[in-house]
N, C-alpha and C. Protein backbone atom coordinates (compact mmCIF):
# COMPACT_ATOMS: atom_id res chain seq x y z
N MET A 1 39.60 15.13 113.76
CA MET A 1 41.00 15.43 114.00
C MET A 1 41.86 14.37 113.31
N ILE A 2 42.93 14.82 112.73
CA ILE A 2 43.93 13.93 112.15
C ILE A 2 45.26 14.32 112.78
N LYS A 3 45.94 13.34 113.36
CA LYS A 3 47.21 13.62 114.02
C LYS A 3 48.25 12.60 113.57
N LEU A 4 49.38 13.11 113.13
CA LEU A 4 50.52 12.26 112.82
C LEU A 4 51.63 12.63 113.80
N HIS A 5 52.22 11.61 114.41
CA HIS A 5 53.25 11.84 115.42
C HIS A 5 54.49 11.02 115.09
N LYS A 6 55.57 11.73 114.78
CA LYS A 6 56.87 11.12 114.48
C LYS A 6 56.76 10.01 113.43
N VAL A 7 56.05 10.33 112.35
CA VAL A 7 55.85 9.36 111.28
C VAL A 7 57.08 9.31 110.38
N ASN A 8 57.53 8.10 110.12
CA ASN A 8 58.63 7.84 109.21
C ASN A 8 58.12 6.92 108.11
N LYS A 9 58.57 7.16 106.90
CA LYS A 9 58.25 6.28 105.79
C LYS A 9 59.46 6.20 104.88
N PHE A 10 59.91 4.97 104.63
CA PHE A 10 61.00 4.81 103.68
C PHE A 10 60.75 3.59 102.81
N PHE A 11 61.41 3.58 101.67
CA PHE A 11 61.33 2.49 100.71
C PHE A 11 62.75 2.06 100.37
N TYR A 12 62.85 0.89 99.79
CA TYR A 12 64.13 0.45 99.25
C TYR A 12 64.01 0.39 97.73
N HIS A 13 64.98 0.96 97.05
CA HIS A 13 65.05 0.92 95.59
C HIS A 13 66.47 0.54 95.22
N ASN A 14 66.61 -0.62 94.56
CA ASN A 14 67.94 -1.14 94.20
C ASN A 14 68.86 -1.19 95.42
N LYS A 15 68.36 -1.70 96.51
CA LYS A 15 69.09 -1.86 97.78
C LYS A 15 69.46 -0.54 98.44
N GLU A 16 68.96 0.58 97.91
CA GLU A 16 69.22 1.89 98.50
C GLU A 16 67.98 2.33 99.28
N LYS A 17 68.19 2.78 100.50
CA LYS A 17 67.09 3.25 101.33
C LYS A 17 66.70 4.67 100.92
N ILE A 18 65.44 4.85 100.57
CA ILE A 18 64.91 6.16 100.18
C ILE A 18 63.97 6.63 101.29
N THR A 19 64.34 7.70 101.98
CA THR A 19 63.51 8.25 103.06
C THR A 19 62.56 9.27 102.46
N VAL A 20 61.25 9.05 102.67
CA VAL A 20 60.24 9.95 102.13
C VAL A 20 59.76 10.91 103.22
N LEU A 21 59.46 10.38 104.39
CA LEU A 21 59.05 11.19 105.54
C LEU A 21 59.93 10.84 106.73
N LYS A 22 60.41 11.84 107.44
CA LYS A 22 61.29 11.60 108.57
C LYS A 22 60.79 12.40 109.78
N GLU A 23 60.39 11.66 110.84
CA GLU A 23 59.93 12.28 112.09
C GLU A 23 58.87 13.35 111.82
N PHE A 24 57.90 13.03 110.98
CA PHE A 24 56.91 14.00 110.51
C PHE A 24 55.77 14.12 111.52
N ASP A 25 55.46 15.34 111.92
CA ASP A 25 54.34 15.64 112.82
C ASP A 25 53.34 16.52 112.09
N LEU A 26 52.04 16.26 112.34
CA LEU A 26 50.99 17.05 111.71
C LEU A 26 49.74 16.96 112.58
N MET A 27 49.04 18.09 112.71
CA MET A 27 47.76 18.11 113.41
C MET A 27 46.78 18.90 112.57
N ILE A 28 45.68 18.26 112.19
CA ILE A 28 44.61 18.93 111.47
C ILE A 28 43.36 18.81 112.33
N ASN A 29 42.85 19.92 112.79
CA ASN A 29 41.67 19.93 113.65
C ASN A 29 40.39 19.88 112.81
N LYS A 30 39.31 19.43 113.44
CA LYS A 30 38.01 19.36 112.78
C LYS A 30 37.66 20.73 112.20
N GLY A 31 37.22 20.74 110.95
CA GLY A 31 36.81 21.97 110.30
C GLY A 31 37.93 22.72 109.60
N GLU A 32 39.17 22.32 109.81
CA GLU A 32 40.29 22.99 109.15
C GLU A 32 40.43 22.52 107.71
N CYS A 33 40.92 23.39 106.87
CA CYS A 33 41.22 23.07 105.49
C CYS A 33 42.71 23.27 105.29
N VAL A 34 43.38 22.26 104.75
CA VAL A 34 44.83 22.36 104.55
C VAL A 34 45.18 22.08 103.09
N VAL A 35 46.33 22.57 102.69
CA VAL A 35 46.86 22.35 101.35
C VAL A 35 48.26 21.78 101.50
N PHE A 36 48.56 20.73 100.77
CA PHE A 36 49.91 20.17 100.75
C PHE A 36 50.56 20.63 99.45
N LYS A 37 51.64 21.37 99.58
CA LYS A 37 52.30 21.96 98.43
C LYS A 37 53.79 21.66 98.52
N GLY A 38 54.40 21.30 97.42
CA GLY A 38 55.82 21.05 97.42
C GLY A 38 56.30 20.55 96.08
N GLU A 39 57.59 20.39 95.98
CA GLU A 39 58.20 19.91 94.74
C GLU A 39 57.82 18.46 94.48
N SER A 40 57.94 18.08 93.24
CA SER A 40 57.75 16.69 92.85
C SER A 40 58.72 15.81 93.65
N GLY A 41 58.19 14.73 94.22
CA GLY A 41 59.04 13.82 94.98
C GLY A 41 59.23 14.20 96.43
N SER A 42 58.49 15.21 96.90
CA SER A 42 58.69 15.66 98.29
C SER A 42 57.86 14.88 99.31
N GLY A 43 56.97 13.97 98.85
CA GLY A 43 56.23 13.12 99.78
C GLY A 43 54.75 13.44 99.93
N LYS A 44 54.20 14.31 99.11
CA LYS A 44 52.79 14.70 99.23
C LYS A 44 51.86 13.51 99.02
N SER A 45 52.04 12.76 97.96
CA SER A 45 51.18 11.62 97.67
C SER A 45 51.35 10.52 98.70
N THR A 46 52.57 10.30 99.15
CA THR A 46 52.81 9.32 100.21
C THR A 46 52.09 9.72 101.47
N LEU A 47 52.15 10.99 101.83
CA LEU A 47 51.45 11.49 103.02
C LEU A 47 49.95 11.26 102.91
N LEU A 48 49.36 11.58 101.76
CA LEU A 48 47.93 11.37 101.57
C LEU A 48 47.56 9.89 101.60
N SER A 49 48.41 9.03 101.08
CA SER A 49 48.17 7.59 101.13
C SER A 49 48.20 7.08 102.57
N LEU A 50 49.08 7.63 103.38
CA LEU A 50 49.14 7.25 104.80
C LEU A 50 47.89 7.72 105.54
N ILE A 51 47.50 8.97 105.33
CA ILE A 51 46.32 9.51 106.00
C ILE A 51 45.06 8.74 105.56
N GLY A 52 44.99 8.40 104.28
CA GLY A 52 43.83 7.69 103.75
C GLY A 52 43.80 6.20 104.08
N GLY A 53 44.83 5.69 104.72
CA GLY A 53 44.86 4.28 105.11
C GLY A 53 45.24 3.32 104.00
N MET A 54 45.71 3.84 102.88
CA MET A 54 46.11 2.98 101.77
C MET A 54 47.52 2.45 101.94
N ASP A 55 48.27 3.03 102.86
CA ASP A 55 49.64 2.62 103.13
C ASP A 55 49.88 2.73 104.63
N LYS A 56 50.89 2.06 105.11
CA LYS A 56 51.24 2.10 106.54
C LYS A 56 52.59 2.78 106.71
N PRO A 57 52.75 3.53 107.79
CA PRO A 57 54.06 4.16 108.03
C PRO A 57 55.09 3.11 108.43
N THR A 58 56.35 3.40 108.16
CA THR A 58 57.43 2.54 108.62
C THR A 58 57.45 2.56 110.15
N SER A 59 57.24 3.74 110.72
CA SER A 59 57.11 3.88 112.18
C SER A 59 56.36 5.17 112.47
N GLY A 60 55.93 5.32 113.69
CA GLY A 60 55.18 6.49 114.10
C GLY A 60 53.69 6.18 114.23
N ASP A 61 52.92 7.17 114.62
CA ASP A 61 51.49 7.00 114.88
C ASP A 61 50.65 7.91 114.01
N ILE A 62 49.54 7.35 113.51
CA ILE A 62 48.54 8.13 112.78
C ILE A 62 47.22 7.92 113.50
N ILE A 63 46.63 9.02 113.96
CA ILE A 63 45.37 8.96 114.69
C ILE A 63 44.34 9.76 113.92
N ILE A 64 43.20 9.11 113.61
CA ILE A 64 42.13 9.79 112.89
C ILE A 64 40.87 9.69 113.73
């Protein structure tokens, strides 16, 4: 099981706050197959980096 609860992720670029994920919830149960699809810059790679443990959320919980 992978569960994300109220995950937020933001960065600062040139003193401007860039919000990538805002209050994001996700539940993937054992045996499920999911696809992340969206426009460039929508947060897909950031989400995978958070799930994979390569990055930490600004706030919220990730349970694996």
